[in-house]
Amino acid sequence: MSVMAQARAEREELLDLLERLEPEQWRAPSLCAGWTVHDVVAHVLSYDELGPRQLASRFASGLFLVDRINALGLRDYARRTPAELVDLLRDHLTPAGLTAGLGGAIALTDGLIHQQDIRRPVGKPRQIPADRLVPALRTALFGPVLRGAVRVRDVRLVATDIDWTFGRGPEVTGTAEALLMAVAGRRAVADELSGPGRDRVVRRLG
């Protein structure tokens, strides 16, 4: 399966999740500091409708700073109701715009991490296919936005549920999902990590 096909499959699972959320779950805090579940969904979709000129305008308005750029997108899309966001996702199951970059790897990685940002707080865990976790880990480590390799420098990551390792130094072990969320800076997974290098990574989490 291509990375773009994996990104679409990830969005299909997100759509199924969102269609079953209760109103109070949409208002619940996510793993993204200061963002509700509704905010995370709005963020995931806030780039798909932008053409090159609109994208350039948003980047310029955000002074090319990631947090400011994301805030602008969230400002616009957070006004949409849960039903409107679900309809928008249904129309954009195949990523478009910026999220289609790197052959869909941006959408896969962003979507996978943010789906877990939603699922974990609302108590709806899932088994993530290993073939999605590996490209997502690679993109999260070396992508220009997350720059996860900086966060896990000087340690060796070892997944306990799939055949995957990265880096050199004292080991940090955990499931591939926990390692991905740590690479993305999520402190919520700190207790799911172990090994002599764990404390180094935990100190760098958000």
C-alpha atoms as a PDB file:
ATOM      1  CA  MET A   1       0.000   0.000   0.000  1.00  0.00           C
ATOM      2  CA  SER A   2       1.343   3.427  -0.946  1.00  0.00           C
ATOM      3  CA  VAL A   3       1.873   6.100   1.685  1.00  0.00           C
ATOM      4  CA  MET A   4      -0.973   8.116   0.165  1.00  0.00           C
ATOM      5  CA  ALA A   5      -3.262   5.092   0.456  1.00  0.00           C
ATOM      6  CA  GLN A   6      -2.169   4.694   4.085  1.00  0.00           C
ATOM      7  CA  ALA A   7      -2.965   8.370   4.709  1.00  0.00           C
ATOM      8  CA  ARG A   8      -6.447   7.881   3.265  1.00  0.00           C
ATOM      9  CA  ALA A   9      -6.977   4.768   5.405  1.00  0.00           C
ATOM     10  CA  GLU A  10      -5.935   6.775   8.457  1.00  0.00           C
ATOM     11  CA  ARG A  11      -8.496   9.444   7.622  1.00  0.00           C
ATOM     12  CA  GLU A  12     -11.182   6.828   7.066  1.00  0.00           C
ATOM     13  CA  GLU A  13     -10.565   5.529  10.591  1.00  0.00           C
ATOM     14  CA  LEU A  14     -10.614   9.078  11.936  1.00  0.00           C
ATOM     15  CA  LEU A  15     -13.955   9.670  10.204  1.00  0.00           C
ATOM     16  CA  ASP A  16     -15.392   6.531  11.783  1.00  0.00           C
ATOM     17  CA  LEU A  17     -14.200   7.723  15.208  1.00  0.00           C
ATOM     18  CA  LEU A  18     -15.579  11.242  14.828  1.00  0.00           C
ATOM     19  CA  GLU A  19     -18.975  10.029  13.674  1.00  0.00           C
ATOM     20  CA  ARG A  20     -19.325   8.193  17.000  1.00  0.00           C
ATOM     21  CA  LEU A  21     -18.145  10.940  19.365  1.00  0.00           C
ATOM     22  CA  GLU A  22     -20.613  12.469  21.797  1.00  0.00           C
ATOM     23  CA  PRO A  23     -20.880  16.295  22.030  1.00  0.00           C
ATOM     24  CA  GLU A  24     -19.020  16.374  25.342  1.00  0.00           C
ATOM     25  CA  GLN A  25     -16.152  14.385  23.789  1.00  0.00           C
ATOM     26  CA  TRP A  26     -15.740  17.022  21.095  1.00  0.00           C
ATOM     27  CA  ARG A  27     -15.289  19.557  23.897  1.00  0.00           C
ATOM     28  CA  ALA A  28     -12.830  17.387  25.859  1.00  0.00           C
ATOM     29  CA  PRO A  29      -9.159  18.390  26.192  1.00  0.00           C
ATOM     30  CA  SER A  30      -6.850  16.624  23.749  1.00  0.00           C
ATOM     31  CA  LEU A  31      -3.179  15.759  24.238  1.00  0.00           C
ATOM     32  CA  CYS A  32      -2.302  19.020  22.439  1.00  0.00           C
ATOM     33  CA  ALA A  33      -1.887  21.636  25.151  1.00  0.00           C
ATOM     34  CA  GLY A  34      -4.755  24.113  25.119  1.00  0.00           C
ATOM     35  CA  TRP A  35      -6.625  22.358  22.312  1.00  0.00           C
ATOM     36  CA  THR A  36      -9.909  20.505  22.571  1.00  0.00           C
ATOM     37  CA  VAL A  37     -10.773  17.506  20.414  1.00  0.00           C
ATOM     38  CA  HIS A  38     -12.714  19.920  18.205  1.00  0.00           C
ATOM     39  CA  ASP A  39      -9.603  22.083  17.830  1.00  0.00           C
ATOM     40  CA  VAL A  40      -7.464  19.107  16.801  1.00  0.00           C
ATOM     41  CA  VAL A  41      -9.940  18.061  14.109  1.00  0.00           C
ATOM     42  CA  ALA A  42     -10.120  21.640  12.839  1.00  0.00           C
ATOM     43  CA  HIS A  43      -6.317  21.776  12.681  1.00  0.00           C
ATOM     44  CA  VAL A  44      -6.033  18.476  10.789  1.00  0.00           C
ATOM     45  CA  LEU A  45      -8.329  19.819   8.063  1.00  0.00           C
ATOM     46  CA  SER A  46      -7.185  23.444   8.029  1.00  0.00           C
ATOM     47  CA  TYR A  47      -4.740  23.038   5.128  1.00  0.00           C
ATOM     48  CA  ASP A  48      -6.628  20.792   2.689  1.00  0.00           C
ATOM     49  CA  GLU A  49      -8.655  23.553   1.064  1.00  0.00           C
ATOM     50  CA  LEU A  50      -5.740  25.945   0.532  1.00  0.00           C
ATOM     51  CA  GLY A  51      -4.291  26.454  -2.923  1.00  0.00           C
ATOM     52  CA  PRO A  52      -0.682  27.605  -3.409  1.00  0.00           C
ATOM     53  CA  ARG A  53      -1.533  31.321  -3.130  1.00  0.00           C
ATOM     54  CA  GLN A  54      -3.725  30.850  -0.048  1.00  0.00           C
ATOM     55  CA  LEU A  55      -1.047  28.718   1.559  1.00  0.00           C
ATOM     56  CA  ALA A  56       1.633  31.309   0.861  1.00  0.00           C
ATOM     57  CA  SER A  57      -0.623  34.012   2.303  1.00  0.00           C
ATOM     58  CA  ARG A  58      -1.191  32.055   5.509  1.00  0.00           C
ATOM     59  CA  PHE A  59       2.520  31.395   5.931  1.00  0.00           C
ATOM     60  CA  ALA A  60       3.312  35.058   5.383  1.00  0.00           C
ATOM     61  CA  SER A  61       0.573  36.180   7.788  1.00  0.00           C
ATOM     62  CA  GLY A  62       1.987  33.764  10.358  1.00  0.00           C
ATOM     63  CA  LEU A  63       5.492  35.219   9.864  1.00  0.00           C
ATOM     64  CA  PHE A  64       6.610  31.725   8.788  1.00  0.00           C
ATOM     65  CA  LEU A  65       6.415  30.543  12.418  1.00  0.00           C
ATOM     66  CA  VAL A  66       4.700  27.173  12.765  1.00  0.00           C
ATOM     67  CA  ASP A  67       2.723  27.977  15.899  1.00  0.00           C
ATOM     68  CA  ARG A  68       1.393  31.225  14.424  1.00  0.00           C
ATOM     69  CA  ILE A  69       0.539  29.584  11.106  1.00  0.00           C
ATOM     70  CA  ASN A  70      -1.360  26.802  12.873  1.00  0.00           C
ATOM     71  CA  ALA A  71      -3.154  29.362  15.035  1.00  0.00           C
ATOM     72  CA  LEU A  72      -4.404  31.176  11.940  1.00  0.00           C
ATOM     73  CA  GLY A  73      -5.789  27.973  10.475  1.00  0.00           C
ATOM     74  CA  LEU A  74      -7.383  27.029  13.759  1.00  0.00           C
ATOM     75  CA  ARG A  75      -8.997  30.461  14.048  1.00  0.00           C
ATOM     76  CA  ASP A  76     -10.729  29.967  10.719  1.00  0.00           C
ATOM     77  CA  TYR A  77     -11.752  26.326  11.054  1.00  0.00           C
ATOM     78  CA  ALA A  78     -12.618  26.205  14.750  1.00  0.00           C
ATOM     79  CA  ARG A  79     -15.779  28.136  13.889  1.00  0.00           C
ATOM     80  CA  ARG A  80     -17.155  25.117  12.068  1.00  0.00           C
ATOM     81  CA  THR A  81     -19.476  22.773  13.914  1.00  0.00           C
ATOM     82  CA  PRO A  82     -18.568  19.125  14.517  1.00  0.00           C
ATOM     83  CA  ALA A  83     -21.029  18.120  11.774  1.00  0.00           C
ATOM     84  CA  GLU A  84     -19.384  20.544   9.336  1.00  0.00           C
ATOM     85  CA  LEU A  85     -15.931  19.215  10.174  1.00  0.00           C
ATOM     86  CA  VAL A  86     -17.113  15.637   9.693  1.00  0.00           C
ATOM     87  CA  ASP A  87     -18.550  16.571   6.291  1.00  0.00           C
ATOM     88  CA  LEU A  88     -15.303  18.293   5.363  1.00  0.00           C
ATOM     89  CA  LEU A  89     -13.288  15.234   6.331  1.00  0.00           C
ATOM     90  CA  ARG A  90     -15.618  13.036   4.306  1.00  0.00           C
ATOM     91  CA  ASP A  91     -14.911  15.264   1.298  1.00  0.00           C
ATOM     92  CA  HIS A  92     -11.140  15.129   1.876  1.00  0.00           C
ATOM     93  CA  LEU A  93     -10.429  11.506   2.736  1.00  0.00           C
ATOM     94  CA  THR A  94      -7.667  11.659   0.167  1.00  0.00           C
ATOM     95  CA  PRO A  95      -5.354  14.423   1.428  1.00  0.00           C
ATOM     96  CA  ALA A  96      -5.007  17.564  -0.667  1.00  0.00           C
ATOM     97  CA  GLY A  97      -2.934  20.720  -0.534  1.00  0.00           C
ATOM     98  CA  LEU A  98      -0.032  20.852   1.893  1.00  0.00           C
ATOM     99  CA  THR A  99      -1.009  17.611   3.620  1.00  0.00           C
ATOM    100  CA  ALA A 100      -0.522  15.712   0.345  1.00  0.00           C
ATOM    101  CA  GLY A 101       3.170  16.627   0.440  1.00  0.00           C
ATOM    102  CA  LEU A 102       5.902  13.984   0.504  1.00  0.00           C
ATOM    103  CA  GLY A 103       3.579  11.559  -1.232  1.00  0.00           C
ATOM    104  CA  GLY A 104       1.039  11.754   1.573  1.00  0.00           C
ATOM    105  CA  ALA A 105       3.581  11.271   4.374  1.00  0.00           C
ATOM    106  CA  ILE A 106       2.659  14.626   5.911  1.00  0.00           C
ATOM    107  CA  ALA A 107      -1.022  13.689   6.108  1.00  0.00           C
ATOM    108  CA  LEU A 108      -0.258  10.187   7.382  1.00  0.00           C
ATOM    109  CA  THR A 109       2.057  11.395  10.143  1.00  0.00           C
ATOM    110  CA  ASP A 110       0.011  14.419  11.173  1.00  0.00           C
ATOM    111  CA  GLY A 111      -3.226  12.449  11.025  1.00  0.00           C
ATOM    112  CA  LEU A 112      -1.902   9.455  12.942  1.00  0.00           C
ATOM    113  CA  ILE A 113      -0.426  11.519  15.754  1.00  0.00           C
ATOM    114  CA  HIS A 114      -3.487  13.743  16.050  1.00  0.00           C
ATOM    115  CA  GLN A 115      -5.863  10.803  15.972  1.00  0.00           C
ATOM    116  CA  GLN A 116      -4.056   9.476  19.032  1.00  0.00           C
ATOM    117  CA  ASP A 117      -4.238  12.982  20.546  1.00  0.00           C
ATOM    118  CA  ILE A 118      -7.996  12.471  20.372  1.00  0.00           C
ATOM    119  CA  ARG A 119      -8.351   8.771  21.117  1.00  0.00           C
ATOM    120  CA  ARG A 120      -6.269   8.656  24.258  1.00  0.00           C
ATOM    121  CA  PRO A 121      -8.183  11.324  26.244  1.00  0.00           C
ATOM    122  CA  VAL A 122     -11.629  10.028  25.221  1.00  0.00           C
ATOM    123  CA  GLY A 123     -10.723   6.419  26.028  1.00  0.00           C
ATOM    124  CA  LYS A 124     -10.962   4.944  22.526  1.00  0.00           C
ATOM    125  CA  PRO A 125      -7.690   3.092  21.925  1.00  0.00           C
ATOM    126  CA  ARG A 126      -6.953   1.144  18.758  1.00  0.00           C
ATOM    127  CA  GLN A 127      -4.341  -1.134  17.224  1.00  0.00           C
ATOM    128  CA  ILE A 128      -2.429   0.939  14.673  1.00  0.00           C
ATOM    129  CA  PRO A 129      -1.204  -1.047  11.642  1.00  0.00           C
ATOM    130  CA  ALA A 130       2.577  -1.424  11.769  1.00  0.00           C
ATOM    131  CA  ASP A 131       2.924  -0.436   8.124  1.00  0.00           C
ATOM    132  CA  ARG A 132       1.600   3.031   9.007  1.00  0.00           C
ATOM    133  CA  LEU A 133       3.763   3.449  12.106  1.00  0.00           C
ATOM    134  CA  VAL A 134       7.080   2.958  10.319  1.00  0.00           C
ATOM    135  CA  PRO A 135       6.684   5.768   7.728  1.00  0.00           C
ATOM    136  CA  ALA A 136       5.089   7.986  10.376  1.00  0.00           C
ATOM    137  CA  LEU A 137       8.069   7.497  12.677  1.00  0.00           C
ATOM    138  CA  ARG A 138      10.456   8.324   9.840  1.00  0.00           C
ATOM    139  CA  THR A 139       8.587  11.500   8.927  1.00  0.00           C
ATOM    140  CA  ALA A 140       8.208  12.590  12.559  1.00  0.00           C
ATOM    141  CA  LEU A 141      11.952  12.161  13.096  1.00  0.00           C
ATOM    142  CA  PHE A 142      13.151  14.018  10.010  1.00  0.00           C
ATOM    143  CA  GLY A 143      10.255  16.226   8.902  1.00  0.00           C
ATOM    144  CA  PRO A 144      10.945  19.985   9.025  1.00  0.00           C
ATOM    145  CA  VAL A 145       8.125  20.777  11.478  1.00  0.00           C
ATOM    146  CA  LEU A 146       8.333  18.156  14.227  1.00  0.00           C
ATOM    147  CA  ARG A 147      12.132  17.767  14.087  1.00  0.00           C
ATOM    148  CA  GLY A 148      11.712  14.760  16.346  1.00  0.00           C
ATOM    149  CA  ALA A 149      15.287  13.581  15.902  1.00  0.00           C
ATOM    150  CA  VAL A 150      16.391  16.548  18.025  1.00  0.00           C
ATOM    151  CA  ARG A 151      14.044  15.471  20.803  1.00  0.00           C
ATOM    152  CA  VAL A 152      15.438  11.913  20.888  1.00  0.00           C
ATOM    153  CA  ARG A 153      19.089  12.684  20.199  1.00  0.00           C
ATOM    154  CA  ASP A 154      21.747  10.630  21.954  1.00  0.00           C
ATOM    155  CA  VAL A 155      19.434   7.684  22.689  1.00  0.00           C
ATOM    156  CA  ARG A 156      18.489   4.475  20.917  1.00  0.00           C
ATOM    157  CA  LEU A 157      14.759   3.956  20.427  1.00  0.00           C
ATOM    158  CA  VAL A 158      13.641   0.322  20.456  1.00  0.00           C
ATOM    159  CA  ALA A 159      10.056  -0.642  19.686  1.00  0.00           C
ATOM    160  CA  THR A 160       8.753  -3.566  21.706  1.00  0.00           C
ATOM    161  CA  ASP A 161       5.931  -4.568  19.349  1.00  0.00           C
ATOM    162  CA  ILE A 162       7.448  -4.171  15.869  1.00  0.00           C
ATOM    163  CA  ASP A 163      10.924  -4.610  14.387  1.00  0.00           C
ATOM    164  CA  TRP A 164      12.096  -0.997  14.516  1.00  0.00           C
ATOM    165  CA  THR A 165      14.999   0.857  16.112  1.00  0.00           C
ATOM    166  CA  PHE A 166      16.582   4.261  15.693  1.00  0.00           C
ATOM    167  CA  GLY A 167      19.622   6.092  17.018  1.00  0.00           C
ATOM    168  CA  ARG A 168      22.584   5.405  19.259  1.00  0.00           C
ATOM    169  CA  GLY A 169      23.025   5.678  22.990  1.00  0.00           C
ATOM    170  CA  PRO A 170      21.195   4.371  26.059  1.00  0.00           C
ATOM    171  CA  GLU A 171      18.022   2.543  25.095  1.00  0.00           C
ATOM    172  CA  VAL A 172      14.497   3.873  25.347  1.00  0.00           C
ATOM    173  CA  THR A 173      11.922   1.140  24.872  1.00  0.00           C
ATOM    174  CA  GLY A 174       8.180   1.251  24.346  1.00  0.00           C
ATOM    175  CA  THR A 175       5.513   0.373  21.831  1.00  0.00           C
ATOM    176  CA  ALA A 176       5.914   1.953  18.410  1.00  0.00           C
ATOM    177  CA  GLU A 177       2.916   4.172  19.157  1.00  0.00           C
ATOM    178  CA  ALA A 178       4.423   5.380  22.441  1.00  0.00           C
ATOM    179  CA  LEU A 179       7.752   6.073  20.739  1.00  0.00           C
ATOM    180  CA  LEU A 180       6.013   8.010  17.954  1.00  0.00           C
ATOM    181  CA  MET A 181       4.100  10.121  20.442  1.00  0.00           C
ATOM    182  CA  ALA A 182       7.321  10.784  22.359  1.00  0.00           C
ATOM    183  CA  VAL A 183       9.078  11.801  19.145  1.00  0.00           C
ATOM    184  CA  ALA A 184       6.148  14.202  18.611  1.00  0.00           C
ATOM    185  CA  GLY A 185       6.693  15.655  22.098  1.00  0.00           C
ATOM    186  CA  ARG A 186       3.696  14.206  23.963  1.00  0.00           C
ATOM    187  CA  ARG A 187       4.460  14.006  27.698  1.00  0.00           C
ATOM    188  CA  ALA A 188       1.374  11.842  28.227  1.00  0.00           C
ATOM    189  CA  VAL A 189       3.344   8.765  27.124  1.00  0.00           C
ATOM    190  CA  ALA A 190       6.205   9.255  29.602  1.00  0.00           C
ATOM    191  CA  ASP A 191       5.020   6.373  31.790  1.00  0.00           C
ATOM    192  CA  GLU A 192       4.935   4.060  28.764  1.00  0.00           C
ATOM    193  CA  LEU A 193       8.660   4.437  28.132  1.00  0.00           C
ATOM    194  CA  SER A 194      11.438   2.557  29.900  1.00  0.00           C
ATOM    195  CA  GLY A 195      15.148   1.939  29.689  1.00  0.00           C
ATOM    196  CA  PRO A 196      18.298   3.793  30.753  1.00  0.00           C
ATOM    197  CA  GLY A 197      17.730   6.607  28.235  1.00  0.00           C
ATOM    198  CA  ARG A 198      14.130   7.285  29.261  1.00  0.00           C
ATOM    199  CA  ASP A 199      14.826  10.269  31.510  1.00  0.00           C
ATOM    200  CA  ARG A 200      16.762  12.062  28.766  1.00  0.00           C
ATOM    201  CA  VAL A 201      13.769  11.899  26.459  1.00  0.00           C
ATOM    202  CA  VAL A 202      11.176  12.703  29.114  1.00  0.00           C
ATOM    203  CA  ARG A 203      12.982  15.944  30.003  1.00  0.00           C
ATOM    204  CA  ARG A 204      12.544  17.080  26.396  1.00  0.00           C
ATOM    205  CA  LEU A 205       8.827  16.373  26.118  1.00  0.00           C
ATOM    206  CA  GLY A 206       6.258  19.165  26.073  1.00  0.00           C
END
